[in-house]
Protein backbone atom coordinates (compact mmCIF):
# COMPACT_ATOMS: atom_id res chain seq x y z
CA MET A 1 1.95 10.57 -20.60
CA ASN A 2 5.68 11.30 -20.79
CA LEU A 3 7.52 10.73 -17.53
CA PHE A 4 11.12 11.88 -17.60
CA ALA A 5 13.89 10.20 -15.64
CA GLN A 6 14.38 11.47 -12.09
CA ASP A 7 11.51 13.97 -12.28
CA SER A 8 11.53 15.73 -8.89
CA ASN A 9 7.87 16.63 -9.44
CA PHE A 10 6.85 12.98 -9.71
CA TYR A 11 6.03 11.87 -6.16
CA ILE A 12 6.06 8.10 -5.68
CA TYR A 13 4.45 6.16 -2.83
CA LEU A 14 5.13 2.51 -2.01
CA CYS A 15 2.05 0.61 -0.80
CA PHE A 16 2.15 -2.80 0.86
CA GLY A 17 0.22 -5.03 3.24
CA GLN A 18 -2.41 -7.74 3.12
CA SER A 19 -5.90 -8.05 1.65
CA ASN A 20 -7.17 -4.55 2.42
CA MET A 21 -4.18 -3.03 0.65
CA GLU A 22 -4.73 -5.40 -2.28
CA GLY A 23 -8.24 -3.98 -2.41
CA GLN A 24 -11.47 -5.87 -1.84
CA GLY A 25 -13.92 -3.11 -2.78
CA VAL A 26 -16.22 -3.21 -5.78
CA ILE A 27 -14.78 -0.96 -8.51
CA GLU A 28 -17.63 1.40 -9.39
CA GLU A 29 -17.99 3.83 -12.29
CA GLN A 30 -16.87 6.78 -10.16
CA ASP A 31 -13.60 4.96 -9.46
CA LYS A 32 -12.74 4.63 -13.14
CA THR A 33 -12.44 8.38 -13.74
CA VAL A 34 -8.81 9.12 -12.91
CA ASP A 35 -6.65 12.17 -13.59
CA SER A 36 -3.66 11.16 -15.77
CA ARG A 37 -1.38 12.85 -13.19
CA PHE A 38 -2.11 9.86 -10.96
CA GLN A 39 -0.10 6.88 -12.23
CA VAL A 40 0.53 3.30 -11.11
CA LEU A 41 3.58 1.22 -11.91
CA GLN A 42 2.05 -1.99 -13.24
CA ALA A 43 3.10 -4.70 -10.79
CA MET A 44 2.56 -7.77 -12.96
CA ASP A 45 1.62 -8.83 -16.45
CA CYS A 46 -2.19 -8.80 -16.68
CA SER A 47 -3.59 -9.99 -20.01
CA ASN A 48 -7.13 -9.25 -18.80
CA LEU A 49 -6.16 -5.59 -18.38
CA ASN A 50 -3.81 -5.56 -21.39
CA GLN A 51 -1.05 -4.30 -19.08
CA ILE A 52 2.64 -5.18 -18.88
CA LYS A 53 4.72 -5.36 -15.70
CA GLY A 54 7.04 -2.43 -15.07
CA THR A 55 5.17 0.14 -17.18
CA TRP A 56 3.44 3.28 -15.94
CA ARG A 57 -0.23 3.84 -16.67
CA THR A 58 -3.04 6.06 -15.49
CA ALA A 59 -4.12 4.59 -12.16
CA VAL A 60 -7.50 3.18 -13.10
CA PRO A 61 -8.19 0.31 -10.68
CA PRO A 62 -7.23 -2.40 -10.00
CA LEU A 63 -3.84 -1.10 -8.81
CA CYS A 64 -2.46 -4.26 -7.19
CA GLN A 65 -3.15 -7.59 -8.88
CA CYS A 66 -4.95 -8.46 -12.10
CA THR A 67 -8.29 -9.11 -10.43
CA SER A 68 -8.02 -7.18 -7.15
CA GLY A 69 -10.57 -4.53 -6.21
CA LEU A 70 -10.70 -0.98 -4.96
CA SER A 71 -8.08 -0.20 -2.30
CA PRO A 72 -7.07 2.77 -0.15
CA ALA A 73 -4.31 3.49 -2.69
CA ASP A 74 -6.98 4.60 -5.17
CA SER A 75 -8.49 7.49 -3.25
CA PHE A 76 -5.07 8.27 -1.77
CA GLY A 77 -3.69 9.08 -5.20
CA LYS A 78 -6.83 10.82 -6.37
CA THR A 79 -6.83 13.09 -3.34
CA MET A 80 -3.13 13.81 -3.67
CA VAL A 81 -3.35 15.05 -7.28
CA GLU A 82 -6.51 16.98 -6.47
CA LYS A 83 -4.75 18.92 -3.70
CA LEU A 84 -1.20 19.20 -5.06
CA PRO A 85 -0.12 21.80 -7.65
CA ASP A 86 -0.80 20.86 -11.27
CA SER A 87 2.95 20.56 -11.88
CA ILE A 88 3.18 17.52 -9.59
CA LYS A 89 2.38 13.95 -10.61
CA VAL A 90 1.77 11.10 -8.16
CA GLY A 91 2.66 7.45 -8.68
CA VAL A 92 2.04 4.35 -6.60
CA VAL A 93 3.60 0.90 -6.46
CA ASN A 94 1.26 -1.59 -4.75
CA ILE A 95 2.42 -5.06 -3.65
CA ALA A 96 0.16 -6.84 -1.17
CA VAL A 97 -0.65 -10.43 -0.20
CA GLY A 98 -4.04 -11.25 1.27
CA GLY A 99 -3.76 -13.29 4.46
CA CYS A 100 -0.06 -12.67 4.98
CA ASP A 101 1.81 -12.30 8.23
CA ILE A 102 3.79 -9.02 8.17
CA ARG A 103 6.98 -11.07 8.30
CA LEU A 104 6.35 -12.30 4.76
CA PHE A 105 7.88 -8.89 3.90
CA ASP A 106 10.94 -9.46 6.10
CA LYS A 107 13.72 -10.32 3.67
CA ASP A 108 15.46 -12.46 6.28
CA LEU A 109 12.39 -14.35 7.51
CA TYR A 110 9.97 -14.53 4.58
CA GLN A 111 10.64 -18.21 3.85
CA ASP A 112 9.09 -19.08 7.24
CA TYR A 113 5.86 -17.26 6.37
CA LYS A 114 5.23 -18.44 2.81
CA SER A 115 2.88 -21.14 4.12
CA THR A 116 0.82 -19.18 6.66
CA TYR A 117 -2.02 -20.67 4.64
CA THR A 118 -1.54 -23.78 2.54
CA GLU A 119 -4.49 -23.10 0.23
CA ALA A 120 -3.76 -22.40 -3.42
CA TRP A 121 -5.24 -18.89 -3.26
CA PHE A 122 -2.45 -17.92 -0.84
CA THR A 123 0.49 -19.78 -2.36
CA ASP A 124 -0.51 -18.59 -5.85
CA LYS A 125 -0.34 -14.95 -4.72
CA ILE A 126 3.22 -15.50 -3.49
CA LYS A 127 4.15 -17.28 -6.73
CA GLY A 128 2.82 -14.21 -8.55
CA TYR A 129 5.55 -12.25 -6.79
CA ASP A 130 8.25 -14.76 -7.79
CA GLY A 131 8.15 -16.37 -4.33
CA ASN A 132 9.61 -13.31 -2.60
CA PRO A 133 7.21 -10.35 -2.25
CA TYR A 134 9.82 -8.12 -0.57
CA LYS A 135 12.44 -8.51 -3.32
CA TYR A 136 9.71 -8.11 -5.95
CA PHE A 137 8.59 -4.90 -4.24
CA ILE A 138 12.12 -3.49 -4.00
CA ASP A 139 12.87 -4.32 -7.63
CA LEU A 140 9.76 -2.43 -8.76
CA ALA A 141 10.55 0.45 -6.42
CA LYS A 142 13.99 0.75 -8.03
CA ILE A 143 12.33 0.99 -11.43
CA ALA A 144 10.05 3.70 -10.02
CA GLN A 145 13.06 5.62 -8.70
CA GLN A 146 14.35 5.98 -12.26
CA TYR A 147 11.34 8.18 -12.96
CA GLY A 148 10.57 10.04 -9.76
CA VAL A 149 11.18 10.48 -6.05
CA ILE A 150 9.86 8.15 -3.36
CA LYS A 151 8.07 10.36 -0.82
CA GLY A 152 6.40 7.86 1.50
CA ILE A 153 5.46 4.29 2.34
CA LEU A 154 1.85 3.25 2.94
CA LEU A 155 1.03 0.16 4.98
CA HIS A 156 -2.25 -1.61 5.67
CA GLN A 157 -1.69 -4.89 7.45
CA GLY A 158 -2.33 -6.51 10.81
CA GLU A 159 -5.32 -8.80 10.60
CA THR A 160 -3.13 -11.92 10.50
CA ASN A 161 -0.97 -10.54 13.33
CA THR A 162 -3.86 -9.56 15.61
CA GLY A 163 -2.74 -9.55 19.23
CA ASP A 164 0.99 -9.77 18.50
CA VAL A 165 2.63 -7.00 20.56
CA GLN A 166 5.87 -7.51 18.60
CA TRP A 167 4.20 -6.25 15.40
CA PRO A 168 5.66 -2.71 15.62
CA SER A 169 9.17 -4.13 15.88
CA TYR A 170 8.52 -6.39 12.86
CA VAL A 171 7.35 -3.35 10.89
CA LYS A 172 10.39 -1.31 12.01
CA LYS A 173 12.74 -3.98 10.65
CA ILE A 174 10.96 -4.05 7.28
CA TYR A 175 10.75 -0.25 7.04
CA ASN A 176 14.46 0.13 7.86
CA ASP A 177 15.35 -2.52 5.28
CA MET A 178 13.31 -0.67 2.64
CA LEU A 179 15.05 2.62 3.47
CA THR A 180 18.48 0.97 3.27
CA ASP A 181 17.83 -1.03 0.11
CA LEU A 182 16.41 2.02 -1.70
CA SER A 183 18.93 4.54 -0.26
CA LEU A 184 16.15 6.55 1.39
CA ASN A 185 16.11 8.68 4.52
CA ALA A 186 13.38 8.18 7.13
CA ASP A 187 13.04 11.94 7.66
CA SER A 188 11.91 12.41 4.05
CA VAL A 189 10.07 9.08 3.62
CA PRO A 190 7.50 8.64 6.41
CA LEU A 191 5.58 5.43 7.03
CA ILE A 192 1.80 5.79 7.16
CA ALA A 193 -0.18 2.84 8.55
CA GLY A 194 -3.94 2.51 8.61
CA GLU A 195 -6.07 1.06 11.37
CA LEU A 196 -7.97 -2.14 10.67
CA LEU A 197 -11.74 -2.22 10.21
CA SER A 198 -13.31 -0.94 13.42
CA SER A 199 -17.00 -0.88 12.50
CA GLN A 200 -19.63 -3.62 12.68
CA ASN A 201 -18.87 -7.11 14.00
CA ASN A 202 -15.23 -7.35 13.04
CA CYS A 203 -12.40 -9.80 13.45
CA CYS A 204 -9.47 -7.67 14.27
CA SER A 205 -10.13 -4.18 15.63
CA SER A 206 -8.38 -5.13 18.87
CA MET A 207 -5.18 -4.90 16.81
CA ASN A 208 -5.70 -1.14 16.43
CA THR A 209 -4.29 -0.55 19.91
CA ILE A 210 -1.04 -2.20 18.83
CA ILE A 211 -1.03 -0.35 15.49
CA ASN A 212 -1.47 2.95 17.31
CA GLY A 213 1.73 2.21 19.21
CA LEU A 214 3.73 2.20 15.97
CA PRO A 215 4.98 5.83 16.33
CA ASP A 216 6.51 4.86 19.70
CA THR A 217 8.73 2.40 17.81
CA ILE A 218 9.16 4.36 14.55
CA PRO A 219 9.38 8.15 15.08
CA THR A 220 8.58 8.79 11.40
CA ALA A 221 5.42 6.63 11.44
CA TYR A 222 1.86 7.94 11.52
CA VAL A 223 -1.41 6.07 12.05
CA ILE A 224 -4.65 6.69 10.15
CA SER A 225 -7.97 6.21 11.92
CA SER A 226 -10.53 3.85 10.40
CA SER A 227 -13.35 5.31 12.49
CA GLY A 228 -16.52 5.61 10.41
CA CYS A 229 -15.05 3.63 7.50
CA THR A 230 -17.67 1.04 6.61
CA GLY A 231 -17.03 -2.64 5.96
CA LYS A 232 -18.30 -5.33 3.58
CA ASP A 233 -17.62 -8.21 6.01
CA ASN A 234 -15.83 -8.75 9.31
CA ALA A 235 -12.34 -7.98 7.95
CA HIS A 236 -12.61 -5.83 4.83
CA PHE A 237 -13.77 -2.34 4.04
CA ASP A 238 -16.41 -1.69 1.42
CA SER A 239 -15.82 0.70 -1.49
CA GLU A 240 -16.94 3.78 0.43
CA GLY A 241 -14.81 2.70 3.39
CA TYR A 242 -11.74 2.45 1.16
CA ARG A 243 -12.41 5.87 -0.35
CA LYS A 244 -12.65 7.46 3.08
CA LEU A 245 -9.58 5.65 4.44
CA GLY A 246 -7.44 6.45 1.39
CA LYS A 247 -8.42 10.11 1.57
CA ARG A 248 -7.23 10.16 5.19
CA TYR A 249 -3.87 8.68 4.18
CA ALA A 250 -3.58 11.50 1.63
CA GLU A 251 -4.58 14.21 4.08
CA LYS A 252 -1.85 13.08 6.46
CA MET A 253 0.74 12.91 3.68
CA LEU A 254 -0.26 16.33 2.38
CA SER A 255 0.13 17.82 5.85
CA LEU A 256 3.59 16.28 6.13
CA LEU A 257 4.48 17.82 2.76
CA GLY A 258 3.30 21.19 3.99
CA TYR A 259 0.04 21.46 2.08
């Protein structure tokens, strides 16, 4: 698909967070049928997918890392192109680190949070983002801006910060840095954050009270309910849960766009 520089009809959404934004859902056949108007900016070189970092492709999952699963970004984009006029394309950039503290995305503090876990699975993820997930994210977002217009930021994070009442202020700092570093305006680039898994015996649903306070700290933030979104374990959604959650992100974004 040809994407022309600065196409005002190419809506781009930046997605970040921890393991649920990476995507832990099983990628099923239904997930592999994707409209070519929904694109992902490939975040890293993936020989197993025959994909090269920094190139656009039809957003067939996985959208985050080379071996990640289904995420809310998948049904978000699918729902967006389904509901938007045919003239509009949608692109996502997805950078997420399973297990991370939100402050791993704070450009001034990230060094203190690179060893939240010492296991190789965690440190290898950070190495995959050149040791600095925030800078990696911004660099990719700047590539994306050459092709289209950033219209929103999607966040799913909080499990590692469960109980920390300072979380909204941490998110505000990161959001403001993103707006500044990408020359964006909050009024035209809202932040949409999803609740954590709230069904079954879960680890972290108590954090949802704190997440729901985000709009009190960030006037342009909106929170997506996870009610009725099913899980695969005590922290992660299952495929159907991701589809439902991602659709809700899209419905909120569409309403903010006036659709």
